[in-house]
C-alpha atoms as a PDB file:
ATOM      1  CA  UNK A   1      28.315 -54.056  20.433  1.00  0.00           C
ATOM      2  CA  UNK A   2      25.022 -55.824  20.962  1.00  0.00           C
ATOM      3  CA  UNK A   3      21.889 -54.863  19.077  1.00  0.00           C
ATOM      4  CA  UNK A   4      20.196 -53.849  22.331  1.00  0.00           C
ATOM      5  CA  UNK A   5      23.051 -51.568  23.312  1.00  0.00           C
ATOM      6  CA  UNK A   6      23.222 -49.979  19.823  1.00  0.00           C
ATOM      7  CA  UNK A   7      19.478 -49.398  19.924  1.00  0.00           C
ATOM      8  CA  UNK A   8      19.677 -47.757  23.348  1.00  0.00           C
ATOM      9  CA  UNK A   9      22.499 -45.469  22.187  1.00  0.00           C
ATOM     10  CA  UNK A  10      20.541 -44.465  19.067  1.00  0.00           C
ATOM     11  CA  UNK A  11      17.465 -43.648  21.128  1.00  0.00           C
ATOM     12  CA  UNK A  12      19.578 -41.642  23.559  1.00  0.00           C
ATOM     13  CA  UNK A  13      21.119 -39.628  20.717  1.00  0.00           C
ATOM     14  CA  UNK A  14      17.705 -38.914  19.251  1.00  0.00           C
ATOM     15  CA  UNK A  15      16.463 -37.780  22.638  1.00  0.00           C
ATOM     16  CA  UNK A  16      19.439 -35.465  22.986  1.00  0.00           C
ATOM     17  CA  UNK A  17      18.705 -34.030  19.567  1.00  0.00           C
ATOM     18  CA  UNK A  18      15.129 -33.349  20.578  1.00  0.00           C
ATOM     19  CA  UNK A  19      16.235 -31.690  23.796  1.00  0.00           C
ATOM     20  CA  UNK A  20      18.531 -29.367  21.856  1.00  0.00           C
ATOM     21  CA  UNK A  21      15.817 -28.404  19.419  1.00  0.00           C
ATOM     22  CA  UNK A  22      17.336 -30.331  16.507  1.00  0.00           C
ATOM     23  CA  UNK A  23      15.641 -30.967  13.172  1.00  0.00           C
ATOM     24  CA  UNK A  24      13.417 -33.625  14.619  1.00  0.00           C
ATOM     25  CA  UNK A  25      12.121 -31.319  17.370  1.00  0.00           C
ATOM     26  CA  UNK A  26       9.640 -29.342  15.310  1.00  0.00           C
ATOM     27  CA  UNK A  27       8.297 -28.971  11.830  1.00  0.00           C
ATOM     28  CA  UNK A  28       9.998 -26.306   9.740  1.00  0.00           C
ATOM     29  CA  UNK A  29       7.924 -23.088   9.551  1.00  0.00           C
ATOM     30  CA  UNK A  30       6.122 -22.452   6.293  1.00  0.00           C
ATOM     31  CA  UNK A  31       7.718 -19.605   4.376  1.00  0.00           C
ATOM     32  CA  UNK A  32       5.472 -16.728   3.346  1.00  0.00           C
ATOM     33  CA  UNK A  33       6.951 -14.505   0.631  1.00  0.00           C
ATOM     34  CA  UNK A  34       5.663 -10.969   1.160  1.00  0.00           C
ATOM     35  CA  UNK A  35       6.293  -8.237  -1.392  1.00  0.00           C
ATOM     36  CA  UNK A  36       5.849  -4.469  -1.466  1.00  0.00           C
ATOM     37  CA  UNK A  37       7.018  -1.522  -3.547  1.00  0.00           C
ATOM     38  CA  UNK A  38       9.094   0.559  -1.149  1.00  0.00           C
ATOM     39  CA  UNK A  39      11.988  -0.069   1.218  1.00  0.00           C
ATOM     40  CA  UNK A  40      11.541  -1.928   4.480  1.00  0.00           C
ATOM     41  CA  UNK A  41      11.958   1.335   6.420  1.00  0.00           C
ATOM     42  CA  UNK A  42       8.806   2.758   4.808  1.00  0.00           C
ATOM     43  CA  UNK A  43       5.128   2.670   5.775  1.00  0.00           C
ATOM     44  CA  UNK A  44       4.800  -0.384   3.518  1.00  0.00           C
ATOM     45  CA  UNK A  45       7.588  -2.050   5.445  1.00  0.00           C
ATOM     46  CA  UNK A  46       6.104  -1.019   8.796  1.00  0.00           C
ATOM     47  CA  UNK A  47       2.835  -2.701   7.854  1.00  0.00           C
ATOM     48  CA  UNK A  48       4.524  -5.822   6.502  1.00  0.00           C
ATOM     49  CA  UNK A  49       6.826  -6.213   9.513  1.00  0.00           C
ATOM     50  CA  UNK A  50       3.999  -5.808  12.032  1.00  0.00           C
ATOM     51  CA  UNK A  51       1.863  -8.299  10.088  1.00  0.00           C
ATOM     52  CA  UNK A  52       4.692 -10.815  10.021  1.00  0.00           C
ATOM     53  CA  UNK A  53       5.588 -10.380  13.680  1.00  0.00           C
ATOM     54  CA  UNK A  54       1.983 -10.843  14.771  1.00  0.00           C
ATOM     55  CA  UNK A  55       1.410 -14.000  12.714  1.00  0.00           C
ATOM     56  CA  UNK A  56       4.724 -15.589  13.663  1.00  0.00           C
ATOM     57  CA  UNK A  57       4.102 -14.954  17.351  1.00  0.00           C
ATOM     58  CA  UNK A  58       0.453 -16.044  17.474  1.00  0.00           C
ATOM     59  CA  UNK A  59       1.119 -19.265  15.523  1.00  0.00           C
ATOM     60  CA  UNK A  60       4.219 -20.188  17.563  1.00  0.00           C
ATOM     61  CA  UNK A  61       6.390 -19.691  14.481  1.00  0.00           C
ATOM     62  CA  UNK A  62       4.434 -22.059  12.273  1.00  0.00           C
ATOM     63  CA  UNK A  63       5.037 -19.425   9.570  1.00  0.00           C
ATOM     64  CA  UNK A  64       8.074 -17.356   8.669  1.00  0.00           C
ATOM     65  CA  UNK A  65       7.682 -14.263   6.484  1.00  0.00           C
ATOM     66  CA  UNK A  66      10.409 -13.549   3.957  1.00  0.00           C
ATOM     67  CA  UNK A  67      10.380  -9.895   2.912  1.00  0.00           C
ATOM     68  CA  UNK A  68      10.879  -8.736  -0.677  1.00  0.00           C
ATOM     69  CA  UNK A  69      10.944  -4.946  -0.388  1.00  0.00           C
ATOM     70  CA  UNK A  70      11.665  -2.243  -2.981  1.00  0.00           C
ATOM     71  CA  UNK A  71       9.767  -4.007  -5.791  1.00  0.00           C
ATOM     72  CA  UNK A  72      12.138  -6.998  -5.661  1.00  0.00           C
ATOM     73  CA  UNK A  73       9.326  -9.185  -7.006  1.00  0.00           C
ATOM     74  CA  UNK A  74       8.113  -6.602  -9.523  1.00  0.00           C
ATOM     75  CA  UNK A  75       5.771  -3.616  -9.576  1.00  0.00           C
ATOM     76  CA  UNK A  76       2.438  -3.615  -7.803  1.00  0.00           C
ATOM     77  CA  UNK A  77       0.512  -5.050 -10.740  1.00  0.00           C
ATOM     78  CA  UNK A  78       2.991  -7.941 -10.903  1.00  0.00           C
ATOM     79  CA  UNK A  79       2.685  -8.461  -7.146  1.00  0.00           C
ATOM     80  CA  UNK A  80      -1.100  -8.711  -7.314  1.00  0.00           C
ATOM     81  CA  UNK A  81      -0.925 -11.043 -10.299  1.00  0.00           C
ATOM     82  CA  UNK A  82       1.650 -13.079  -8.374  1.00  0.00           C
ATOM     83  CA  UNK A  83      -0.906 -13.770  -5.657  1.00  0.00           C
ATOM     84  CA  UNK A  84      -3.109 -15.631  -8.116  1.00  0.00           C
ATOM     85  CA  UNK A  85      -0.163 -17.312  -9.844  1.00  0.00           C
ATOM     86  CA  UNK A  86       1.325 -18.557  -6.576  1.00  0.00           C
ATOM     87  CA  UNK A  87       4.668 -16.758  -6.972  1.00  0.00           C
ATOM     88  CA  UNK A  88       4.023 -14.573  -3.921  1.00  0.00           C
ATOM     89  CA  UNK A  89       1.990 -15.374  -0.813  1.00  0.00           C
ATOM     90  CA  UNK A  90       1.287 -11.929   0.650  1.00  0.00           C
ATOM     91  CA  UNK A  91       1.496  -8.308  -0.455  1.00  0.00           C
ATOM     92  CA  UNK A  92       1.085  -4.784   0.832  1.00  0.00           C
ATOM     93  CA  UNK A  93      -0.040  -2.677  -2.130  1.00  0.00           C
ATOM     94  CA  UNK A  94      -1.567   0.708  -2.853  1.00  0.00           C
ATOM     95  CA  UNK A  95      -5.258   1.070  -3.554  1.00  0.00           C
ATOM     96  CA  UNK A  96      -4.376   2.701  -6.868  1.00  0.00           C
ATOM     97  CA  UNK A  97      -3.046  -0.633  -8.070  1.00  0.00           C
ATOM     98  CA  UNK A  98      -5.810  -2.890  -6.775  1.00  0.00           C
ATOM     99  CA  UNK A  99      -8.598  -0.867  -8.385  1.00  0.00           C
ATOM    100  CA  UNK A 100      -7.561  -2.405 -11.710  1.00  0.00           C
ATOM    101  CA  UNK A 101      -8.543  -5.779 -10.262  1.00  0.00           C
ATOM    102  CA  UNK A 102     -11.394  -4.674  -7.980  1.00  0.00           C
ATOM    103  CA  UNK A 103     -12.987  -1.668  -9.717  1.00  0.00           C
ATOM    104  CA  UNK A 104     -15.260  -0.778  -6.784  1.00  0.00           C
ATOM    105  CA  UNK A 105     -12.153  -0.020  -4.688  1.00  0.00           C
ATOM    106  CA  UNK A 106     -11.457   2.862  -7.077  1.00  0.00           C
ATOM    107  CA  UNK A 107     -14.037   4.985  -5.269  1.00  0.00           C
ATOM    108  CA  UNK A 108     -11.370   5.671  -2.654  1.00  0.00           C
ATOM    109  CA  UNK A 109      -9.364   7.480  -5.349  1.00  0.00           C
ATOM    110  CA  UNK A 110     -11.991  10.124  -6.105  1.00  0.00           C
ATOM    111  CA  UNK A 111     -10.282  13.506  -5.551  1.00  0.00           C
ATOM    112  CA  UNK A 112     -11.231  15.474  -2.449  1.00  0.00           C
ATOM    113  CA  UNK A 113     -13.637  12.743  -1.337  1.00  0.00           C
ATOM    114  CA  UNK A 114     -12.414  12.755   2.270  1.00  0.00           C
ATOM    115  CA  UNK A 115     -12.490  15.736   4.601  1.00  0.00           C
ATOM    116  CA  UNK A 116      -9.381  14.663   6.500  1.00  0.00           C
ATOM    117  CA  UNK A 117      -7.495  11.615   7.785  1.00  0.00           C
ATOM    118  CA  UNK A 118      -9.975  11.006  10.614  1.00  0.00           C
ATOM    119  CA  UNK A 119     -12.827  10.850   8.107  1.00  0.00           C
ATOM    120  CA  UNK A 120     -10.938   8.473   5.805  1.00  0.00           C
ATOM    121  CA  UNK A 121     -10.055   6.085   8.621  1.00  0.00           C
ATOM    122  CA  UNK A 122     -13.641   6.076   9.889  1.00  0.00           C
ATOM    123  CA  UNK A 123     -14.865   5.074   6.425  1.00  0.00           C
ATOM    124  CA  UNK A 124     -12.301   2.277   6.029  1.00  0.00           C
ATOM    125  CA  UNK A 125     -12.843   0.932   9.552  1.00  0.00           C
ATOM    126  CA  UNK A 126     -16.617   0.878   9.141  1.00  0.00           C
ATOM    127  CA  UNK A 127     -19.108  -1.014   7.001  1.00  0.00           C
ATOM    128  CA  UNK A 128     -18.065   0.668   3.753  1.00  0.00           C
ATOM    129  CA  UNK A 129     -14.464  -0.445   4.199  1.00  0.00           C
ATOM    130  CA  UNK A 130     -15.443  -3.969   5.241  1.00  0.00           C
ATOM    131  CA  UNK A 131     -17.787  -4.333   2.265  1.00  0.00           C
ATOM    132  CA  UNK A 132     -15.027  -3.248  -0.104  1.00  0.00           C
ATOM    133  CA  UNK A 133     -12.571  -5.787   1.345  1.00  0.00           C
ATOM    134  CA  UNK A 134     -15.149  -8.541   0.828  1.00  0.00           C
ATOM    135  CA  UNK A 135     -15.386  -7.687  -2.885  1.00  0.00           C
ATOM    136  CA  UNK A 136     -11.753  -8.723  -3.425  1.00  0.00           C
ATOM    137  CA  UNK A 137     -12.689 -12.397  -3.043  1.00  0.00           C
ATOM    138  CA  UNK A 138     -14.644 -12.408  -6.294  1.00  0.00           C
ATOM    139  CA  UNK A 139     -11.293 -11.696  -7.989  1.00  0.00           C
ATOM    140  CA  UNK A 140      -9.471 -14.445  -6.112  1.00  0.00           C
ATOM    141  CA  UNK A 141      -7.787 -12.065  -3.658  1.00  0.00           C
ATOM    142  CA  UNK A 142      -8.064 -12.365   0.123  1.00  0.00           C
ATOM    143  CA  UNK A 143      -7.899  -8.752   1.328  1.00  0.00           C
ATOM    144  CA  UNK A 144      -7.616  -8.739   5.116  1.00  0.00           C
ATOM    145  CA  UNK A 145      -7.105  -5.120   6.171  1.00  0.00           C
ATOM    146  CA  UNK A 146      -6.645  -1.527   5.094  1.00  0.00           C
ATOM    147  CA  UNK A 147      -3.379   0.279   5.696  1.00  0.00           C
ATOM    148  CA  UNK A 148      -2.442   3.845   4.930  1.00  0.00           C
ATOM    149  CA  UNK A 149      -0.121   5.983   2.856  1.00  0.00           C
ATOM    150  CA  UNK A 150      -1.655   9.364   3.610  1.00  0.00           C
ATOM    151  CA  UNK A 151      -2.943  12.143   1.379  1.00  0.00           C
ATOM    152  CA  UNK A 152      -1.322  12.476  -2.024  1.00  0.00           C
ATOM    153  CA  UNK A 153       0.432  15.667  -3.107  1.00  0.00           C
ATOM    154  CA  UNK A 154       1.763  16.912  -6.445  1.00  0.00           C
ATOM    155  CA  UNK A 155       5.467  17.423  -7.161  1.00  0.00           C
ATOM    156  CA  UNK A 156       7.258  18.456 -10.359  1.00  0.00           C
ATOM    157  CA  UNK A 157      10.394  20.023 -11.827  1.00  0.00           C
ATOM    158  CA  UNK A 158       8.794  22.861 -13.803  1.00  0.00           C
ATOM    159  CA  UNK A 159       7.082  25.328 -11.440  1.00  0.00           C
ATOM    160  CA  UNK A 160       5.162  25.739  -8.186  1.00  0.00           C
ATOM    161  CA  UNK A 161       1.524  24.680  -8.478  1.00  0.00           C
ATOM    162  CA  UNK A 162      -0.987  26.802  -6.548  1.00  0.00           C
ATOM    163  CA  UNK A 163      -4.041  26.704  -8.822  1.00  0.00           C
ATOM    164  CA  UNK A 164      -5.224  24.478 -11.705  1.00  0.00           C
ATOM    165  CA  UNK A 165      -3.739  26.751 -14.369  1.00  0.00           C
ATOM    166  CA  UNK A 166      -0.278  26.121 -12.921  1.00  0.00           C
ATOM    167  CA  UNK A 167      -0.678  22.372 -13.456  1.00  0.00           C
ATOM    168  CA  UNK A 168      -1.676  22.525 -17.101  1.00  0.00           C
ATOM    169  CA  UNK A 169       0.704  20.821 -19.481  1.00  0.00           C
ATOM    170  CA  UNK A 170       2.662  18.997 -16.790  1.00  0.00           C
ATOM    171  CA  UNK A 171       3.513  15.402 -17.620  1.00  0.00           C
ATOM    172  CA  UNK A 172       2.792  13.596 -14.354  1.00  0.00           C
ATOM    173  CA  UNK A 173       3.369   9.984 -13.469  1.00  0.00           C
ATOM    174  CA  UNK A 174       0.226   8.379 -12.071  1.00  0.00           C
ATOM    175  CA  UNK A 175      -0.588   4.852 -11.003  1.00  0.00           C
ATOM    176  CA  UNK A 176      -2.394   2.615 -13.472  1.00  0.00           C
ATOM    177  CA  UNK A 177      -5.663   3.968 -12.124  1.00  0.00           C
ATOM    178  CA  UNK A 178      -8.426   5.266 -14.365  1.00  0.00           C
ATOM    179  CA  UNK A 179      -9.893   7.542 -11.684  1.00  0.00           C
ATOM    180  CA  UNK A 180      -6.574   9.343 -11.273  1.00  0.00           C
ATOM    181  CA  UNK A 181      -6.062   9.505 -15.023  1.00  0.00           C
ATOM    182  CA  UNK A 182      -9.525  11.008 -15.592  1.00  0.00           C
ATOM    183  CA  UNK A 183      -9.016  13.661 -12.920  1.00  0.00           C
ATOM    184  CA  UNK A 184      -5.549  14.719 -14.032  1.00  0.00           C
ATOM    185  CA  UNK A 185      -6.601  14.898 -17.652  1.00  0.00           C
ATOM    186  CA  UNK A 186      -9.552  17.099 -16.651  1.00  0.00           C
ATOM    187  CA  UNK A 187      -7.083  19.454 -14.950  1.00  0.00           C
ATOM    188  CA  UNK A 188      -5.102  19.833 -18.172  1.00  0.00           C
ATOM    189  CA  UNK A 189      -2.165  17.659 -17.199  1.00  0.00           C
ATOM    190  CA  UNK A 190      -0.748  14.764 -19.152  1.00  0.00           C
ATOM    191  CA  UNK A 191      -1.152  11.751 -16.837  1.00  0.00           C
ATOM    192  CA  UNK A 192       1.390   9.043 -17.558  1.00  0.00           C
ATOM    193  CA  UNK A 193       0.708   5.607 -16.034  1.00  0.00           C
ATOM    194  CA  UNK A 194       3.976   4.053 -14.925  1.00  0.00           C
ATOM    195  CA  UNK A 195       5.121   1.244 -12.649  1.00  0.00           C
ATOM    196  CA  UNK A 196       6.882   2.574  -9.548  1.00  0.00           C
ATOM    197  CA  UNK A 197      10.301   0.996 -10.286  1.00  0.00           C
ATOM    198  CA  UNK A 198      10.517   3.147 -13.441  1.00  0.00           C
ATOM    199  CA  UNK A 199       9.667   6.486 -11.814  1.00  0.00           C
ATOM    200  CA  UNK A 200      13.037   7.674 -10.480  1.00  0.00           C
ATOM    201  CA  UNK A 201      14.783   7.044 -13.797  1.00  0.00           C
ATOM    202  CA  UNK A 202      12.002   8.768 -15.732  1.00  0.00           C
ATOM    203  CA  UNK A 203      12.269  11.842 -13.509  1.00  0.00           C
ATOM    204  CA  UNK A 204      16.052  11.907 -13.882  1.00  0.00           C
ATOM    205  CA  UNK A 205      15.794  11.670 -17.668  1.00  0.00           C
ATOM    206  CA  UNK A 206      12.978  14.222 -17.939  1.00  0.00           C
ATOM    207  CA  UNK A 207      10.599  11.703 -19.494  1.00  0.00           C
ATOM    208  CA  UNK A 208       8.059  12.979 -16.978  1.00  0.00           C
ATOM    209  CA  UNK A 209       7.912  16.305 -15.129  1.00  0.00           C
ATOM    210  CA  UNK A 210       6.602  15.044 -11.836  1.00  0.00           C
ATOM    211  CA  UNK A 211       4.577  12.593  -9.807  1.00  0.00           C
ATOM    212  CA  UNK A 212       1.984  12.562  -7.043  1.00  0.00           C
ATOM    213  CA  UNK A 213       2.293  10.661  -3.789  1.00  0.00           C
ATOM    214  CA  UNK A 214       1.946  11.058  -0.030  1.00  0.00           C
ATOM    215  CA  UNK A 215       4.704  12.602   2.101  1.00  0.00           C
ATOM    216  CA  UNK A 216       5.497   9.089   3.366  1.00  0.00           C
ATOM    217  CA  UNK A 217       6.450   7.998  -0.167  1.00  0.00           C
ATOM    218  CA  UNK A 218       8.309  11.232  -0.953  1.00  0.00           C
ATOM    219  CA  UNK A 219      10.564  10.795   2.076  1.00  0.00           C
ATOM    220  CA  UNK A 220      11.006   7.011   1.837  1.00  0.00           C
ATOM    221  CA  UNK A 221      12.019   7.265  -1.827  1.00  0.00           C
ATOM    222  CA  UNK A 222      14.088  10.460  -1.250  1.00  0.00           C
ATOM    223  CA  UNK A 223      12.313  12.157  -4.118  1.00  0.00           C
ATOM    224  CA  UNK A 224      14.061  15.425  -3.229  1.00  0.00           C
ATOM    225  CA  UNK A 225      16.900  14.029  -5.333  1.00  0.00           C
ATOM    226  CA  UNK A 226      14.767  14.301  -8.478  1.00  0.00           C
ATOM    227  CA  UNK A 227      12.061  16.920  -7.734  1.00  0.00           C
ATOM    228  CA  UNK A 228      12.226  20.709  -7.276  1.00  0.00           C
ATOM    229  CA  UNK A 229       8.664  21.663  -6.286  1.00  0.00           C
ATOM    230  CA  UNK A 230       6.101  20.071  -3.979  1.00  0.00           C
ATOM    231  CA  UNK A 231       2.561  21.401  -3.679  1.00  0.00           C
ATOM    232  CA  UNK A 232       0.562  20.153  -0.687  1.00  0.00           C
ATOM    233  CA  UNK A 233      -2.576  19.567  -2.717  1.00  0.00           C
ATOM    234  CA  UNK A 234      -3.978  16.718  -0.562  1.00  0.00           C
ATOM    235  CA  UNK A 235      -5.981  15.824  -3.649  1.00  0.00           C
ATOM    236  CA  UNK A 236      -6.522  12.115  -2.893  1.00  0.00           C
ATOM    237  CA  UNK A 237      -6.400  10.027   0.263  1.00  0.00           C
ATOM    238  CA  UNK A 238      -4.279   6.940  -0.390  1.00  0.00           C
ATOM    239  CA  UNK A 239      -5.027   3.725   1.451  1.00  0.00           C
ATOM    240  CA  UNK A 240      -3.118   0.509   0.957  1.00  0.00           C
ATOM    241  CA  UNK A 241      -4.313  -3.071   1.271  1.00  0.00           C
ATOM    242  CA  UNK A 242      -2.830  -6.121   2.993  1.00  0.00           C
ATOM    243  CA  UNK A 243      -3.670  -9.195   0.904  1.00  0.00           C
ATOM    244  CA  UNK A 244      -2.874 -12.897   1.148  1.00  0.00           C
ATOM    245  CA  UNK A 245      -3.013 -15.386  -1.715  1.00  0.00           C
ATOM    246  CA  UNK A 246      -5.977 -17.754  -2.033  1.00  0.00           C
ATOM    247  CA  UNK A 247      -3.639 -20.760  -2.093  1.00  0.00           C
ATOM    248  CA  UNK A 248      -2.255 -19.828   1.332  1.00  0.00           C
ATOM    249  CA  UNK A 249      -5.659 -18.935   2.762  1.00  0.00           C
ATOM    250  CA  UNK A 250      -7.327 -22.169   1.694  1.00  0.00           C
ATOM    251  CA  UNK A 251      -4.645 -24.177   3.470  1.00  0.00           C
ATOM    252  CA  UNK A 252      -5.028 -22.435   6.825  1.00  0.00           C
ATOM    253  CA  UNK A 253      -6.943 -23.705   9.816  1.00  0.00           C
ATOM    254  CA  UNK A 254      -9.612 -21.444  11.314  1.00  0.00           C
ATOM    255  CA  UNK A 255      -7.198 -20.445  14.091  1.00  0.00           C
ATOM    256  CA  UNK A 256      -4.497 -19.627  11.541  1.00  0.00           C
ATOM    257  CA  UNK A 257      -6.924 -17.586   9.440  1.00  0.00           C
ATOM    258  CA  UNK A 258      -7.767 -15.592  12.549  1.00  0.00           C
ATOM    259  CA  UNK A 259      -4.037 -15.053  13.186  1.00  0.00           C
ATOM    260  CA  UNK A 260      -3.452 -13.815   9.638  1.00  0.00           C
ATOM    261  CA  UNK A 261      -6.472 -11.475   9.780  1.00  0.00           C
ATOM    262  CA  UNK A 262      -5.547 -10.042  13.175  1.00  0.00           C
ATOM    263  CA  UNK A 263      -1.942  -9.688  12.044  1.00  0.00           C
ATOM    264  CA  UNK A 264      -3.021  -7.791   8.931  1.00  0.00           C
ATOM    265  CA  UNK A 265      -5.050  -5.391  11.057  1.00  0.00           C
ATOM    266  CA  UNK A 266      -1.991  -4.868  13.259  1.00  0.00           C
ATOM    267  CA  UNK A 267      -0.020  -4.144  10.080  1.00  0.00           C
ATOM    268  CA  UNK A 268      -2.586  -1.592   8.979  1.00  0.00           C
ATOM    269  CA  UNK A 269      -2.382   0.203  12.315  1.00  0.00           C
ATOM    270  CA  UNK A 270       1.423   0.158  12.167  1.00  0.00           C
ATOM    271  CA  UNK A 271       1.348   1.835   8.750  1.00  0.00           C
ATOM    272  CA  UNK A 272      -0.978   4.528  10.108  1.00  0.00           C
ATOM    273  CA  UNK A 273       1.359   5.185  13.034  1.00  0.00           C
ATOM    274  CA  UNK A 274       4.283   5.468  10.611  1.00  0.00           C
ATOM    275  CA  UNK A 275       2.359   7.923   8.424  1.00  0.00           C
ATOM    276  CA  UNK A 276       1.332  10.017  11.454  1.00  0.00           C
ATOM    277  CA  UNK A 277       4.968  10.393  12.444  1.00  0.00           C
ATOM    278  CA  UNK A 278       6.149  11.195   8.912  1.00  0.00           C
ATOM    279  CA  UNK A 279       3.407  13.787   8.426  1.00  0.00           C
ATOM    280  CA  UNK A 280       4.774  15.647  11.448  1.00  0.00           C
ATOM    281  CA  UNK A 281       8.404  15.742  10.345  1.00  0.00           C
ATOM    282  CA  UNK A 282       8.441  14.937   6.620  1.00  0.00           C
ATOM    283  CA  UNK A 283       7.648  18.359   5.172  1.00  0.00           C
ATOM    284  CA  UNK A 284      10.493  19.968   7.098  1.00  0.00           C
ATOM    285  CA  UNK A 285      12.851  17.186   6.034  1.00  0.00           C
ATOM    286  CA  UNK A 286      11.906  17.680   2.389  1.00  0.00           C
ATOM    287  CA  UNK A 287      12.383  21.434   2.727  1.00  0.00           C
ATOM    288  CA  UNK A 288      15.856  20.922   4.224  1.00  0.00           C
ATOM    289  CA  UNK A 289      16.831  19.081   1.047  1.00  0.00           C
ATOM    290  CA  UNK A 290      16.091  22.142  -1.074  1.00  0.00           C
ATOM    291  CA  UNK A 291      12.604  21.382  -2.397  1.00  0.00           C
ATOM    292  CA  UNK A 292      10.358  24.441  -2.701  1.00  0.00           C
ATOM    293  CA  UNK A 293       7.104  23.634  -0.903  1.00  0.00           C
ATOM    294  CA  UNK A 294       3.757  25.281  -1.658  1.00  0.00           C
ATOM    295  CA  UNK A 295       1.570  25.079   1.441  1.00  0.00           C
ATOM    296  CA  UNK A 296      -1.287  27.377   0.335  1.00  0.00           C
ATOM    297  CA  UNK A 297      -2.963  25.513  -2.520  1.00  0.00           C
ATOM    298  CA  UNK A 298      -6.312  26.714  -3.879  1.00  0.00           C
ATOM    299  CA  UNK A 299      -8.246  23.498  -3.296  1.00  0.00           C
ATOM    300  CA  UNK A 300     -11.588  25.155  -4.042  1.00  0.00           C
ATOM    301  CA  UNK A 301     -10.364  26.025  -7.532  1.00  0.00           C
ATOM    302  CA  UNK A 302      -9.209  22.455  -8.075  1.00  0.00           C
ATOM    303  CA  UNK A 303     -12.592  21.081  -6.992  1.00  0.00           C
ATOM    304  CA  UNK A 304     -14.379  23.477  -9.330  1.00  0.00           C
ATOM    305  CA  UNK A 305     -12.129  22.477 -12.228  1.00  0.00           C
ATOM    306  CA  UNK A 306     -12.955  18.818 -11.568  1.00  0.00           C
ATOM    307  CA  UNK A 307     -16.738  19.318 -11.712  1.00  0.00           C
ATOM    308  CA  UNK A 308     -17.182  17.460 -15.049  1.00  0.00           C
ATOM    309  CA  UNK A 309     -15.184  14.522 -13.693  1.00  0.00           C
ATOM    310  CA  UNK A 310     -17.375  14.243 -10.598  1.00  0.00           C
ATOM    311  CA  UNK A 311     -20.310  13.515 -12.883  1.00  0.00           C
ATOM    312  CA  UNK A 312     -18.336  10.609 -14.356  1.00  0.00           C
ATOM    313  CA  UNK A 313     -17.389   9.340 -10.897  1.00  0.00           C
ATOM    314  CA  UNK A 314     -21.033   9.458  -9.776  1.00  0.00           C
ATOM    315  CA  UNK A 315     -22.004   7.379 -12.802  1.00  0.00           C
ATOM    316  CA  UNK A 316     -19.152   4.920 -12.256  1.00  0.00           C
ATOM    317  CA  UNK A 317     -19.380   4.402  -8.491  1.00  0.00           C
ATOM    318  CA  UNK A 318     -22.914   5.560  -7.771  1.00  0.00           C
ATOM    319  CA  UNK A 319     -23.948   8.858  -6.252  1.00  0.00           C
ATOM    320  CA  UNK A 320     -25.420   6.892  -3.356  1.00  0.00           C
ATOM    321  CA  UNK A 321     -21.981   5.472  -2.528  1.00  0.00           C
ATOM    322  CA  UNK A 322     -20.313   8.878  -2.719  1.00  0.00           C
ATOM    323  CA  UNK A 323     -23.008  10.358  -0.479  1.00  0.00           C
ATOM    324  CA  UNK A 324     -22.649   7.492   2.026  1.00  0.00           C
ATOM    325  CA  UNK A 325     -18.908   8.121   2.282  1.00  0.00           C
ATOM    326  CA  UNK A 326     -19.452  11.864   2.716  1.00  0.00           C
ATOM    327  CA  UNK A 327     -22.018  11.186   5.491  1.00  0.00           C
ATOM    328  CA  UNK A 328     -19.633   9.181   7.678  1.00  0.00           C
ATOM    329  CA  UNK A 329     -18.751  11.163  10.813  1.00  0.00           C
END
């Protein structure tokens, strides 16, 4: 076979490979490892999936998200640390975890700060929320959007909780969040910081009496298997944050940065939609599994019992900030 003929055949084969979308047809998409604490069929997963779908579509599949759900890459503290270490490229994490890295974000965890979900979303979607996201960069974290878990409620295996006196002495798992710890201690409980992967086992073994989380977490984690009582305290609104690592962000073009930011906002909205749906059906589902639910909680008594803590929160976050949040319509 002549050289010219061999060359023509080689070129023809290469062209065929390109036409079929072979390896030479396009650059392989960059893998983005995204981690979160709960299963993929949770509000965390809803946010992560919507974020991934948006970015992959708007960048013509220049990126491919690989999901590590159910704490497969560690607890939330490990996930956030992984962003700076380069072991994870993106995360969806609770605000309770990030406040250890960005203390100002802890203001969102002040008990009974928000009137309702509409108020909370208005704060996060406005200047206050945007300013808080910007503060993550000083800690080497690129926070792109707020998502949602819903209002947190108290569950335990000892007794129904209607008023503060009922909660005294309960050993309750909390996130590694000083605002939560201060409030629960003020109410006479024994707050026990614990990484989420340890919680189910600790409840089964009786190491702790209970925990506090939104309905979305209770249902996703099937906590009815390890809890007897659920009081709808709505004591704290729980946002979550969609964050990308600085190493990924610095390597993106302006158009890609826009795609990641818009995708994160889509993820945040998807998590809110998920929470809205769970809030409608979740309480009944939990009740069907035998959990005794307290719907009439004396919130006024809880607020009064927390009065000394509010003075600490005003000193820590600034009364001006607390008043600005309360003033948002």
